[in-house]
All heavy atoms as atom14 arrays in JSON, in Angstrom:
{
  "sequence": "ELFCDIKTTNKEWHLLNLKFLKEHHFRSDYGKQTLE",
  "atom14_mask": [
    [1, 1, 1, 1, 1, 1, 1, 1, 1, 0, 0, 0, 0, 0],
    [1, 1, 1, 1, 1, 1, 1, 1, 0, 0, 0, 0, 0, 0],
    [1, 1, 1, 1, 1, 1, 1, 1, 1, 1, 1, 0, 0, 0],
    [1, 1, 1, 1, 1, 1, 0, 0, 0, 0, 0, 0, 0, 0],
    [1, 1, 1, 1, 1, 1, 1, 1, 0, 0, 0, 0, 0, 0],
    [1, 1, 1, 1, 1, 1, 1, 1, 0, 0, 0, 0, 0, 0],
    [1, 1, 1, 1, 1, 1, 1, 1, 1, 0, 0, 0, 0, 0],
    [1, 1, 1, 1, 1, 1, 1, 0, 0, 0, 0, 0, 0, 0],
    [1, 1, 1, 1, 1, 1, 1, 0, 0, 0, 0, 0, 0, 0],
    [1, 1, 1, 1, 1, 1, 1, 1, 0, 0, 0, 0, 0, 0],
    [1, 1, 1, 1, 1, 1, 1, 1, 1, 0, 0, 0, 0, 0],
    [1, 1, 1, 1, 1, 1, 1, 1, 1, 0, 0, 0, 0, 0],
    [1, 1, 1, 1, 1, 1, 1, 1, 1, 1, 1, 1, 1, 1],
    [1, 1, 1, 1, 1, 1, 1, 1, 1, 1, 0, 0, 0, 0],
    [1, 1, 1, 1, 1, 1, 1, 1, 0, 0, 0, 0, 0, 0],
    [1, 1, 1, 1, 1, 1, 1, 1, 0, 0, 0, 0, 0, 0],
    [1, 1, 1, 1, 1, 1, 1, 1, 0, 0, 0, 0, 0, 0],
    [1, 1, 1, 1, 1, 1, 1, 1, 0, 0, 0, 0, 0, 0],
    [1, 1, 1, 1, 1, 1, 1, 1, 1, 0, 0, 0, 0, 0],
    [1, 1, 1, 1, 1, 1, 1, 1, 1, 1, 1, 0, 0, 0],
    [1, 1, 1, 1, 1, 1, 1, 1, 0, 0, 0, 0, 0, 0],
    [1, 1, 1, 1, 1, 1, 1, 1, 1, 0, 0, 0, 0, 0],
    [1, 1, 1, 1, 1, 1, 1, 1, 1, 0, 0, 0, 0, 0],
    [1, 1, 1, 1, 1, 1, 1, 1, 1, 1, 0, 0, 0, 0],
    [1, 1, 1, 1, 1, 1, 1, 1, 1, 1, 0, 0, 0, 0],
    [1, 1, 1, 1, 1, 1, 1, 1, 1, 1, 1, 0, 0, 0],
    [1, 1, 1, 1, 1, 1, 1, 1, 1, 1, 1, 0, 0, 0],
    [1, 1, 1, 1, 1, 1, 0, 0, 0, 0, 0, 0, 0, 0],
    [1, 1, 1, 1, 1, 1, 1, 1, 0, 0, 0, 0, 0, 0],
    [1, 1, 1, 1, 1, 1, 1, 1, 1, 1, 1, 1, 0, 0],
    [1, 1, 1, 1, 0, 0, 0, 0, 0, 0, 0, 0, 0, 0],
    [1, 1, 1, 1, 1, 1, 1, 1, 1, 0, 0, 0, 0, 0],
    [1, 1, 1, 1, 1, 1, 1, 1, 1, 0, 0, 0, 0, 0],
    [1, 1, 1, 1, 1, 1, 1, 0, 0, 0, 0, 0, 0, 0],
    [1, 1, 1, 1, 1, 1, 1, 1, 0, 0, 0, 0, 0, 0],
    [1, 1, 1, 1, 1, 1, 1, 1, 1, 0, 0, 0, 0, 0]
  ],
  "atom14_positions": [
    [[0.83, -1.21, 0.0], [0.0, 0.0, 0.0], [0.86, 1.26, 0.0], [0.59, 2.2, -0.75], [-0.92, 0.01, 1.22], [-2.03, -1.0, 1.16], [-2.85, -1.07, 2.44], [-2.54, -0.34, 3.41], [-3.81, -1.86, 2.47], [0.0, 0.0, 0.0], [0.0, 0.0, 0.0], [0.0, 0.0, 0.0], [0.0, 0.0, 0.0], [0.0, 0.0, 0.0]],
    [[1.89, 1.28, 0.82], [2.72, 2.48, 0.97], [3.67, 2.72, -0.2], [3.81, 3.84, -0.67], [3.54, 2.4, 2.26], [2.75, 2.52, 3.55], [3.66, 2.26, 4.75], [2.1, 3.88, 3.68], [0.0, 0.0, 0.0], [0.0, 0.0, 0.0], [0.0, 0.0, 0.0], [0.0, 0.0, 0.0], [0.0, 0.0, 0.0], [0.0, 0.0, 0.0]],
    [[4.32, 1.66, -0.65], [5.4, 1.85, -1.61], [5.03, 1.49, -3.05], [5.69, 1.96, -3.98], [6.64, 1.04, -1.19], [7.15, 1.43, 0.17], [7.07, 0.56, 1.24], [7.69, 2.69, 0.39], [7.53, 0.92, 2.49], [8.14, 3.07, 1.64], [8.07, 2.18, 2.69], [0.0, 0.0, 0.0], [0.0, 0.0, 0.0], [0.0, 0.0, 0.0]],
    [[4.02, 0.68, -3.23], [3.65, 0.24, -4.58], [2.27, 0.73, -5.0], [1.84, 0.47, -6.11], [3.69, -1.28, -4.67], [5.28, -1.98, -4.24], [0.0, 0.0, 0.0], [0.0, 0.0, 0.0], [0.0, 0.0, 0.0], [0.0, 0.0, 0.0], [0.0, 0.0, 0.0], [0.0, 0.0, 0.0], [0.0, 0.0, 0.0], [0.0, 0.0, 0.0]],
    [[1.59, 1.39, -4.09], [0.23, 1.89, -4.34], [-0.7, 0.75, -4.78], [-1.53, 0.91, -5.65], [0.24, 3.02, -5.37], [-1.05, 3.82, -5.34], [-1.64, 3.98, -4.24], [-1.48, 4.28, -6.41], [0.0, 0.0, 0.0], [0.0, 0.0, 0.0], [0.0, 0.0, 0.0], [0.0, 0.0, 0.0], [0.0, 0.0, 0.0], [0.0, 0.0, 0.0]],
    [[-0.52, -0.41, -4.15], [-1.37, -1.57, -4.42], [-2.29, -1.76, -3.23], [-1.83, -2.0, -2.12], [-0.55, -2.85, -4.65], [0.36, -2.68, -5.86], [-1.47, -4.06, -4.81], [1.33, -3.84, -6.07], [0.0, 0.0, 0.0], [0.0, 0.0, 0.0], [0.0, 0.0, 0.0], [0.0, 0.0, 0.0], [0.0, 0.0, 0.0], [0.0, 0.0, 0.0]],
    [[-3.57, -1.62, -3.47], [-4.55, -1.79, -2.41], [-5.41, -3.0, -2.74], [-5.81, -3.2, -3.87], [-5.41, -0.53, -2.27], [-4.6, 0.67, -1.79], [-5.45, 1.92, -1.73], [-4.7, 3.12, -1.21], [-3.37, 3.34, -1.69], [0.0, 0.0, 0.0], [0.0, 0.0, 0.0], [0.0, 0.0, 0.0], [0.0, 0.0, 0.0], [0.0, 0.0, 0.0]],
    [[-5.66, -3.83, -1.73], [-6.46, -5.02, -1.92], [-7.54, -5.08, -0.86], [-7.37, -4.58, 0.25], [-5.61, -6.3, -1.81], [-5.0, -6.35, -0.51], [-4.53, -6.35, -2.87], [0.0, 0.0, 0.0], [0.0, 0.0, 0.0], [0.0, 0.0, 0.0], [0.0, 0.0, 0.0], [0.0, 0.0, 0.0], [0.0, 0.0, 0.0], [0.0, 0.0, 0.0]],
    [[-8.64, -5.69, -1.21], [-9.67, -5.97, -0.21], [-9.19, -7.13, 0.64], [-8.22, -7.84, 0.28], [-11.01, -6.34, -0.87], [-10.82, -7.58, -1.57], [-11.5, -5.26, -1.83], [0.0, 0.0, 0.0], [0.0, 0.0, 0.0], [0.0, 0.0, 0.0], [0.0, 0.0, 0.0], [0.0, 0.0, 0.0], [0.0, 0.0, 0.0], [0.0, 0.0, 0.0]],
    [[-9.86, -7.36, 1.76], [-9.49, -8.49, 2.6], [-9.6, -9.8, 1.83], [-8.72, -10.66, 1.93], [-10.35, -8.53, 3.86], [-9.98, -7.44, 4.84], [-8.85, -6.96, 4.86], [-10.93, -7.04, 5.65], [0.0, 0.0, 0.0], [0.0, 0.0, 0.0], [0.0, 0.0, 0.0], [0.0, 0.0, 0.0], [0.0, 0.0, 0.0], [0.0, 0.0, 0.0]],
    [[-10.67, -9.96, 1.08], [-10.86, -11.19, 0.32], [-9.76, -11.36, -0.72], [-9.19, -12.46, -0.87], [-12.23, -11.21, -0.35], [-12.51, -12.53, -1.05], [-13.92, -12.59, -1.61], [-14.18, -13.92, -2.28], [-15.53, -14.02, -2.83], [0.0, 0.0, 0.0], [0.0, 0.0, 0.0], [0.0, 0.0, 0.0], [0.0, 0.0, 0.0], [0.0, 0.0, 0.0]],
    [[-9.42, -10.3, -1.44], [-8.35, -10.38, -2.44], [-7.02, -10.76, -1.78], [-6.26, -11.56, -2.33], [-8.19, -9.04, -3.16], [-9.31, -8.69, -4.08], [-9.24, -7.25, -4.58], [-8.66, -6.38, -3.89], [-9.78, -7.0, -5.67], [0.0, 0.0, 0.0], [0.0, 0.0, 0.0], [0.0, 0.0, 0.0], [0.0, 0.0, 0.0], [0.0, 0.0, 0.0]],
    [[-6.76, -10.18, -0.62], [-5.51, -10.47, 0.09], [-5.43, -11.94, 0.47], [-4.41, -12.6, 0.27], [-5.38, -9.59, 1.33], [-4.12, -9.83, 2.06], [-3.97, -10.46, 3.26], [-2.79, -9.5, 1.62], [-2.65, -10.53, 3.6], [-1.9, -9.94, 2.61], [-2.28, -8.87, 0.49], [-0.53, -9.78, 2.5], [-0.91, -8.69, 0.39], [-0.05, -9.15, 1.38]],
    [[-6.52, -12.47, 0.98], [-6.53, -13.88, 1.37], [-6.44, -14.8, 0.16], [-5.8, -15.86, 0.23], [-7.75, -14.2, 2.22], [-7.73, -13.51, 3.55], [-6.71, -13.68, 4.47], [-8.58, -12.64, 4.11], [-6.94, -12.95, 5.53], [-8.07, -12.29, 5.34], [0.0, 0.0, 0.0], [0.0, 0.0, 0.0], [0.0, 0.0, 0.0], [0.0, 0.0, 0.0]],
    [[-7.03, -14.41, -0.95], [-6.9, -15.19, -2.18], [-5.45, -15.21, -2.67], [-4.95, -16.24, -3.14], [-7.83, -14.66, -3.27], [-9.31, -14.97, -3.08], [-10.16, -14.15, -4.06], [-9.57, -16.46, -3.25], [0.0, 0.0, 0.0], [0.0, 0.0, 0.0], [0.0, 0.0, 0.0], [0.0, 0.0, 0.0], [0.0, 0.0, 0.0], [0.0, 0.0, 0.0]],
    [[-4.76, -14.09, -2.56], [-3.34, -14.02, -2.94], [-2.51, -14.94, -2.05], [-1.62, -15.65, -2.52], [-2.81, -12.6, -2.83], [-3.2, -11.63, -3.93], [-2.82, -10.19, -3.53], [-2.51, -12.01, -5.22], [0.0, 0.0, 0.0], [0.0, 0.0, 0.0], [0.0, 0.0, 0.0], [0.0, 0.0, 0.0], [0.0, 0.0, 0.0], [0.0, 0.0, 0.0]],
    [[-2.81, -14.93, -0.75], [-2.09, -15.8, 0.18], [-2.37, -17.27, -0.11], [-1.45, -18.09, -0.06], [-2.47, -15.45, 1.63], [-1.71, -14.25, 2.1], [-0.51, -14.31, 2.31], [-2.4, -13.14, 2.27], [0.0, 0.0, 0.0], [0.0, 0.0, 0.0], [0.0, 0.0, 0.0], [0.0, 0.0, 0.0], [0.0, 0.0, 0.0], [0.0, 0.0, 0.0]],
    [[-3.61, -17.59, -0.42], [-3.96, -18.97, -0.74], [-3.19, -19.44, -1.98], [-2.62, -20.54, -1.99], [-5.47, -19.09, -0.98], [-5.99, -20.47, -1.29], [-5.81, -21.4, -0.11], [-7.45, -20.41, -1.71], [0.0, 0.0, 0.0], [0.0, 0.0, 0.0], [0.0, 0.0, 0.0], [0.0, 0.0, 0.0], [0.0, 0.0, 0.0], [0.0, 0.0, 0.0]],
    [[-3.15, -18.6, -2.99], [-2.43, -18.94, -4.23], [-0.95, -19.17, -3.92], [-0.35, -20.15, -4.38], [-2.59, -17.81, -5.24], [-1.93, -18.06, -6.58], [-2.2, -16.9, -7.53], [-1.7, -17.12, -8.92], [-0.28, -17.21, -9.07], [0.0, 0.0, 0.0], [0.0, 0.0, 0.0], [0.0, 0.0, 0.0], [0.0, 0.0, 0.0], [0.0, 0.0, 0.0]],
    [[-0.36, -18.28, -3.12], [1.06, -18.44, -2.78], [1.3, -19.74, -2.03], [2.22, -20.5, -2.37], [1.53, -17.26, -1.92], [2.9, -17.48, -1.37], [4.02, -17.29, -2.16], [3.08, -17.9, -0.06], [5.3, -17.51, -1.65], [4.34, -18.13, 0.45], [5.46, -17.94, -0.35], [0.0, 0.0, 0.0], [0.0, 0.0, 0.0], [0.0, 0.0, 0.0]],
    [[0.48, -20.02, -1.02], [0.68, -21.22, -0.22], [0.52, -22.49, -1.04], [1.24, -23.48, -0.83], [-0.28, -21.23, 0.97], [0.03, -20.2, 2.06], [-1.13, -20.08, 3.03], [1.32, -20.55, 2.78], [0.0, 0.0, 0.0], [0.0, 0.0, 0.0], [0.0, 0.0, 0.0], [0.0, 0.0, 0.0], [0.0, 0.0, 0.0], [0.0, 0.0, 0.0]],
    [[-0.41, -22.48, -1.99], [-0.62, -23.66, -2.83], [0.52, -23.87, -3.83], [0.85, -25.0, -4.18], [-1.95, -23.55, -3.58], [-3.14, -23.82, -2.7], [-4.43, -23.81, -3.5], [-5.6, -24.27, -2.65], [-6.84, -24.33, -3.43], [0.0, 0.0, 0.0], [0.0, 0.0, 0.0], [0.0, 0.0, 0.0], [0.0, 0.0, 0.0], [0.0, 0.0, 0.0]],
    [[1.11, -22.78, -4.3], [2.14, -22.88, -5.34], [3.55, -23.01, -4.79], [4.47, -23.39, -5.51], [2.04, -21.68, -6.28], [0.77, -21.68, -7.1], [0.64, -20.48, -8.0], [1.53, -19.59, -7.99], [-0.38, -20.41, -8.73], [0.0, 0.0, 0.0], [0.0, 0.0, 0.0], [0.0, 0.0, 0.0], [0.0, 0.0, 0.0], [0.0, 0.0, 0.0]],
    [[3.74, -22.67, -3.52], [5.08, -22.7, -2.93], [5.46, -24.13, -2.55], [4.65, -24.88, -2.01], [5.13, -21.82, -1.68], [6.46, -21.87, -1.01], [6.74, -22.76, -0.01], [7.58, -21.16, -1.22], [7.99, -22.59, 0.38], [8.52, -21.63, -0.34], [0.0, 0.0, 0.0], [0.0, 0.0, 0.0], [0.0, 0.0, 0.0], [0.0, 0.0, 0.0]],
    [[6.71, -24.5, -2.86], [7.22, -25.82, -2.5], [8.6, -25.65, -1.88], [9.47, -24.99, -2.45], [7.32, -26.72, -3.73], [6.01, -26.92, -4.41], [5.03, -27.75, -3.92], [5.5, -26.37, -5.54], [3.99, -27.71, -4.71], [4.24, -26.88, -5.7], [0.0, 0.0, 0.0], [0.0, 0.0, 0.0], [0.0, 0.0, 0.0], [0.0, 0.0, 0.0]],
    [[8.79, -26.25, -0.72], [10.1, -26.23, -0.09], [11.02, -27.18, -0.84], [10.59, -28.23, -1.31], [9.99, -26.66, 1.38], [9.27, -25.65, 2.23], [7.97, -25.88, 2.66], [9.9, -24.47, 2.59], [7.31, -24.95, 3.43], [9.24, -23.53, 3.36], [7.94, -23.76, 3.79], [0.0, 0.0, 0.0], [0.0, 0.0, 0.0], [0.0, 0.0, 0.0]],
    [[12.28, -26.82, -0.93], [13.24, -27.64, -1.66], [14.22, -28.36, -0.75], [14.71, -29.43, -1.09], [14.01, -26.79, -2.67], [13.07, -26.22, -3.73], [13.79, -25.22, -4.61], [12.81, -24.52, -5.43], [12.67, -24.7, -6.71], [13.44, -25.53, -7.35], [11.77, -24.03, -7.38], [0.0, 0.0, 0.0], [0.0, 0.0, 0.0], [0.0, 0.0, 0.0]],
    [[14.5, -27.78, 0.4], [15.45, -28.43, 1.31], [14.74, -29.49, 2.14], [13.52, -29.46, 2.32], [16.08, -27.39, 2.26], [15.09, -26.91, 3.15], [0.0, 0.0, 0.0], [0.0, 0.0, 0.0], [0.0, 0.0, 0.0], [0.0, 0.0, 0.0], [0.0, 0.0, 0.0], [0.0, 0.0, 0.0], [0.0, 0.0, 0.0], [0.0, 0.0, 0.0]],
    [[15.52, -30.42, 2.66], [14.95, -31.45, 3.53], [14.32, -30.82, 4.76], [13.25, -31.23, 5.2], [16.01, -32.47, 3.94], [16.43, -33.37, 2.8], [15.64, -33.52, 1.84], [17.55, -33.91, 2.86], [0.0, 0.0, 0.0], [0.0, 0.0, 0.0], [0.0, 0.0, 0.0], [0.0, 0.0, 0.0], [0.0, 0.0, 0.0], [0.0, 0.0, 0.0]],
    [[15.0, -29.82, 5.32], [14.47, -29.14, 6.5], [13.11, -28.5, 6.19], [12.16, -28.64, 6.95], [15.45, -28.06, 6.98], [14.9, -27.23, 8.11], [14.88, -27.74, 9.4], [14.39, -25.96, 7.9], [14.35, -27.0, 10.45], [13.87, -25.21, 8.94], [13.86, -25.73, 10.21], [13.35, -25.0, 11.25], [0.0, 0.0, 0.0], [0.0, 0.0, 0.0]],
    [[13.01, -27.82, 5.07], [11.75, -27.2, 4.69], [10.65, -28.22, 4.49], [9.53, -28.05, 4.96], [0.0, 0.0, 0.0], [0.0, 0.0, 0.0], [0.0, 0.0, 0.0], [0.0, 0.0, 0.0], [0.0, 0.0, 0.0], [0.0, 0.0, 0.0], [0.0, 0.0, 0.0], [0.0, 0.0, 0.0], [0.0, 0.0, 0.0], [0.0, 0.0, 0.0]],
    [[10.99, -29.3, 3.8], [10.0, -30.34, 3.52], [9.52, -31.03, 4.79], [8.35, -31.35, 4.93], [10.58, -31.37, 2.54], [10.78, -30.84, 1.15], [11.46, -31.87, 0.28], [11.76, -31.31, -1.09], [12.51, -32.27, -1.92], [0.0, 0.0, 0.0], [0.0, 0.0, 0.0], [0.0, 0.0, 0.0], [0.0, 0.0, 0.0], [0.0, 0.0, 0.0]],
    [[10.45, -31.28, 5.71], [10.11, -32.05, 6.9], [9.59, -31.19, 8.04], [8.76, -31.65, 8.82], [11.34, -32.83, 7.37], [11.78, -33.87, 6.37], [13.14, -34.45, 6.7], [13.76, -34.11, 7.71], [13.64, -35.33, 5.84], [0.0, 0.0, 0.0], [0.0, 0.0, 0.0], [0.0, 0.0, 0.0], [0.0, 0.0, 0.0], [0.0, 0.0, 0.0]],
    [[10.05, -29.96, 8.14], [9.71, -29.14, 9.3], [8.77, -27.99, 8.96], [7.74, -27.82, 9.6], [11.0, -28.57, 9.93], [11.88, -29.67, 10.21], [10.71, -27.81, 11.2], [0.0, 0.0, 0.0], [0.0, 0.0, 0.0], [0.0, 0.0, 0.0], [0.0, 0.0, 0.0], [0.0, 0.0, 0.0], [0.0, 0.0, 0.0], [0.0, 0.0, 0.0]],
    [[9.11, -27.21, 7.96], [8.34, -26.02, 7.64], [7.03, -26.32, 6.93], [6.07, -25.55, 7.03], [9.18, -25.06, 6.79], [10.49, -24.6, 7.44], [11.27, -23.72, 6.47], [10.23, -23.87, 8.74], [0.0, 0.0, 0.0], [0.0, 0.0, 0.0], [0.0, 0.0, 0.0], [0.0, 0.0, 0.0], [0.0, 0.0, 0.0], [0.0, 0.0, 0.0]],
    [[6.98, -27.44, 6.23], [5.76, -27.81, 5.5], [4.56, -27.97, 6.44], [3.43, -27.64, 6.07], [5.98, -29.11, 4.71], [4.82, -29.54, 3.87], [4.53, -28.62, 2.7], [5.44, -27.92, 2.2], [3.36, -28.59, 2.25], [0.0, 0.0, 0.0], [0.0, 0.0, 0.0], [0.0, 0.0, 0.0], [0.0, 0.0, 0.0], [0.0, 0.0, 0.0]]
  ]
}
């Protein structure tokens, strides 16, 4: 909002987070076993 002048509704924000979480994959063993 401050630096990029990008404003989102709460629903849009949560949809962006959902997309990120679904598309993100850990590559290290630690990430796969612990952070996942």
